[in-house]
């Protein structure tokens, strides 16, 4: 099974840094009511970054890096 190191940053919330499977990242995004940007059933790249900017309060950053596979 493939592991990823990932970080979720959003103003007003503590930054989350974890190592785990993509399913765990999806769970965190759902629990925090954030968009599931690295899911959607598509193959994701080994590393990436997503930033959502809709004004300062709605900024969201998710980064991920494949660490094995």
C-alpha atoms as a PDB file:
ATOM      1  CA  UNK A   1       0.000   0.000   0.000  1.00  0.00           C
ATOM      2  CA  UNK A   2       1.238   3.494  -0.823  1.00  0.00           C
ATOM      3  CA  UNK A   3       1.910   6.073   1.876  1.00  0.00           C
ATOM      4  CA  UNK A   4       1.917   9.844   1.497  1.00  0.00           C
ATOM      5  CA  UNK A   5       3.131  12.670   3.700  1.00  0.00           C
ATOM      6  CA  UNK A   6       0.503  15.402   3.592  1.00  0.00           C
ATOM      7  CA  UNK A   7      -0.288  18.775   5.102  1.00  0.00           C
ATOM      8  CA  UNK A   8      -3.582  20.659   5.364  1.00  0.00           C
ATOM      9  CA  UNK A   9      -3.349  24.390   6.143  1.00  0.00           C
ATOM     10  CA  UNK A  10      -6.287  26.741   6.658  1.00  0.00           C
ATOM     11  CA  UNK A  11      -6.267  30.099   8.466  1.00  0.00           C
ATOM     12  CA  UNK A  12      -7.805  29.883  11.916  1.00  0.00           C
ATOM     13  CA  UNK A  13      -7.091  26.152  12.202  1.00  0.00           C
ATOM     14  CA  UNK A  14      -4.055  24.274  13.372  1.00  0.00           C
ATOM     15  CA  UNK A  15      -1.973  22.927  10.474  1.00  0.00           C
ATOM     16  CA  UNK A  16      -2.361  19.169  10.123  1.00  0.00           C
ATOM     17  CA  UNK A  17       0.734  17.185   9.130  1.00  0.00           C
ATOM     18  CA  UNK A  18       0.370  13.427   8.729  1.00  0.00           C
ATOM     19  CA  UNK A  19       1.751  10.351   7.029  1.00  0.00           C
ATOM     20  CA  UNK A  20      -0.816   7.864   5.821  1.00  0.00           C
ATOM     21  CA  UNK A  21      -2.895   6.493   3.008  1.00  0.00           C
ATOM     22  CA  UNK A  22      -5.011   8.647   0.707  1.00  0.00           C
ATOM     23  CA  UNK A  23      -8.145   7.321   2.390  1.00  0.00           C
ATOM     24  CA  UNK A  24      -6.970   8.957   5.613  1.00  0.00           C
ATOM     25  CA  UNK A  25      -6.471  12.273   3.819  1.00  0.00           C
ATOM     26  CA  UNK A  26      -9.979  11.991   2.343  1.00  0.00           C
ATOM     27  CA  UNK A  27     -11.379  11.350   5.829  1.00  0.00           C
ATOM     28  CA  UNK A  28      -9.662  14.456   7.220  1.00  0.00           C
ATOM     29  CA  UNK A  29     -10.981  16.608   4.375  1.00  0.00           C
ATOM     30  CA  UNK A  30     -14.531  15.325   4.999  1.00  0.00           C
ATOM     31  CA  UNK A  31     -14.302  15.807   8.780  1.00  0.00           C
ATOM     32  CA  UNK A  32     -13.093  19.377   8.318  1.00  0.00           C
ATOM     33  CA  UNK A  33     -15.781  20.020   5.681  1.00  0.00           C
ATOM     34  CA  UNK A  34     -13.130  20.805   3.066  1.00  0.00           C
ATOM     35  CA  UNK A  35     -13.180  19.921  -0.632  1.00  0.00           C
ATOM     36  CA  UNK A  36     -11.894  16.476  -1.556  1.00  0.00           C
ATOM     37  CA  UNK A  37      -9.395  17.809  -4.051  1.00  0.00           C
ATOM     38  CA  UNK A  38      -7.066  14.842  -4.309  1.00  0.00           C
ATOM     39  CA  UNK A  39      -9.733  12.196  -4.645  1.00  0.00           C
ATOM     40  CA  UNK A  40     -12.507  12.097  -7.216  1.00  0.00           C
ATOM     41  CA  UNK A  41     -11.453   8.597  -8.257  1.00  0.00           C
ATOM     42  CA  UNK A  42      -8.645   9.891 -10.441  1.00  0.00           C
ATOM     43  CA  UNK A  43      -5.042   8.765 -10.224  1.00  0.00           C
ATOM     44  CA  UNK A  44      -3.084  11.422  -8.383  1.00  0.00           C
ATOM     45  CA  UNK A  45       0.516  12.325  -9.019  1.00  0.00           C
ATOM     46  CA  UNK A  46       3.323  11.353  -6.664  1.00  0.00           C
ATOM     47  CA  UNK A  47       3.355  14.859  -5.255  1.00  0.00           C
ATOM     48  CA  UNK A  48       1.277  17.951  -5.577  1.00  0.00           C
ATOM     49  CA  UNK A  49      -0.194  21.069  -4.087  1.00  0.00           C
ATOM     50  CA  UNK A  50      -3.691  22.485  -4.114  1.00  0.00           C
ATOM     51  CA  UNK A  51      -4.506  26.025  -3.032  1.00  0.00           C
ATOM     52  CA  UNK A  52      -8.005  27.440  -2.837  1.00  0.00           C
ATOM     53  CA  UNK A  53      -8.283  31.203  -2.609  1.00  0.00           C
ATOM     54  CA  UNK A  54     -11.666  32.812  -2.161  1.00  0.00           C
ATOM     55  CA  UNK A  55     -10.714  35.643   0.108  1.00  0.00           C
ATOM     56  CA  UNK A  56      -8.401  35.503   3.080  1.00  0.00           C
ATOM     57  CA  UNK A  57     -10.718  33.509   5.379  1.00  0.00           C
ATOM     58  CA  UNK A  58     -11.376  30.777   2.829  1.00  0.00           C
ATOM     59  CA  UNK A  59      -7.775  30.012   1.882  1.00  0.00           C
ATOM     60  CA  UNK A  60      -6.874  26.362   1.961  1.00  0.00           C
ATOM     61  CA  UNK A  61      -3.657  24.587   1.107  1.00  0.00           C
ATOM     62  CA  UNK A  62      -3.136  20.850   0.769  1.00  0.00           C
ATOM     63  CA  UNK A  63       0.225  19.352  -0.170  1.00  0.00           C
ATOM     64  CA  UNK A  64       1.137  15.694  -0.560  1.00  0.00           C
ATOM     65  CA  UNK A  65       4.251  13.667  -1.382  1.00  0.00           C
ATOM     66  CA  UNK A  66       4.449   9.937  -2.068  1.00  0.00           C
ATOM     67  CA  UNK A  67       6.938   8.306   0.297  1.00  0.00           C
ATOM     68  CA  UNK A  68       6.724   4.670  -0.844  1.00  0.00           C
ATOM     69  CA  UNK A  69       4.804   2.419  -3.122  1.00  0.00           C
END
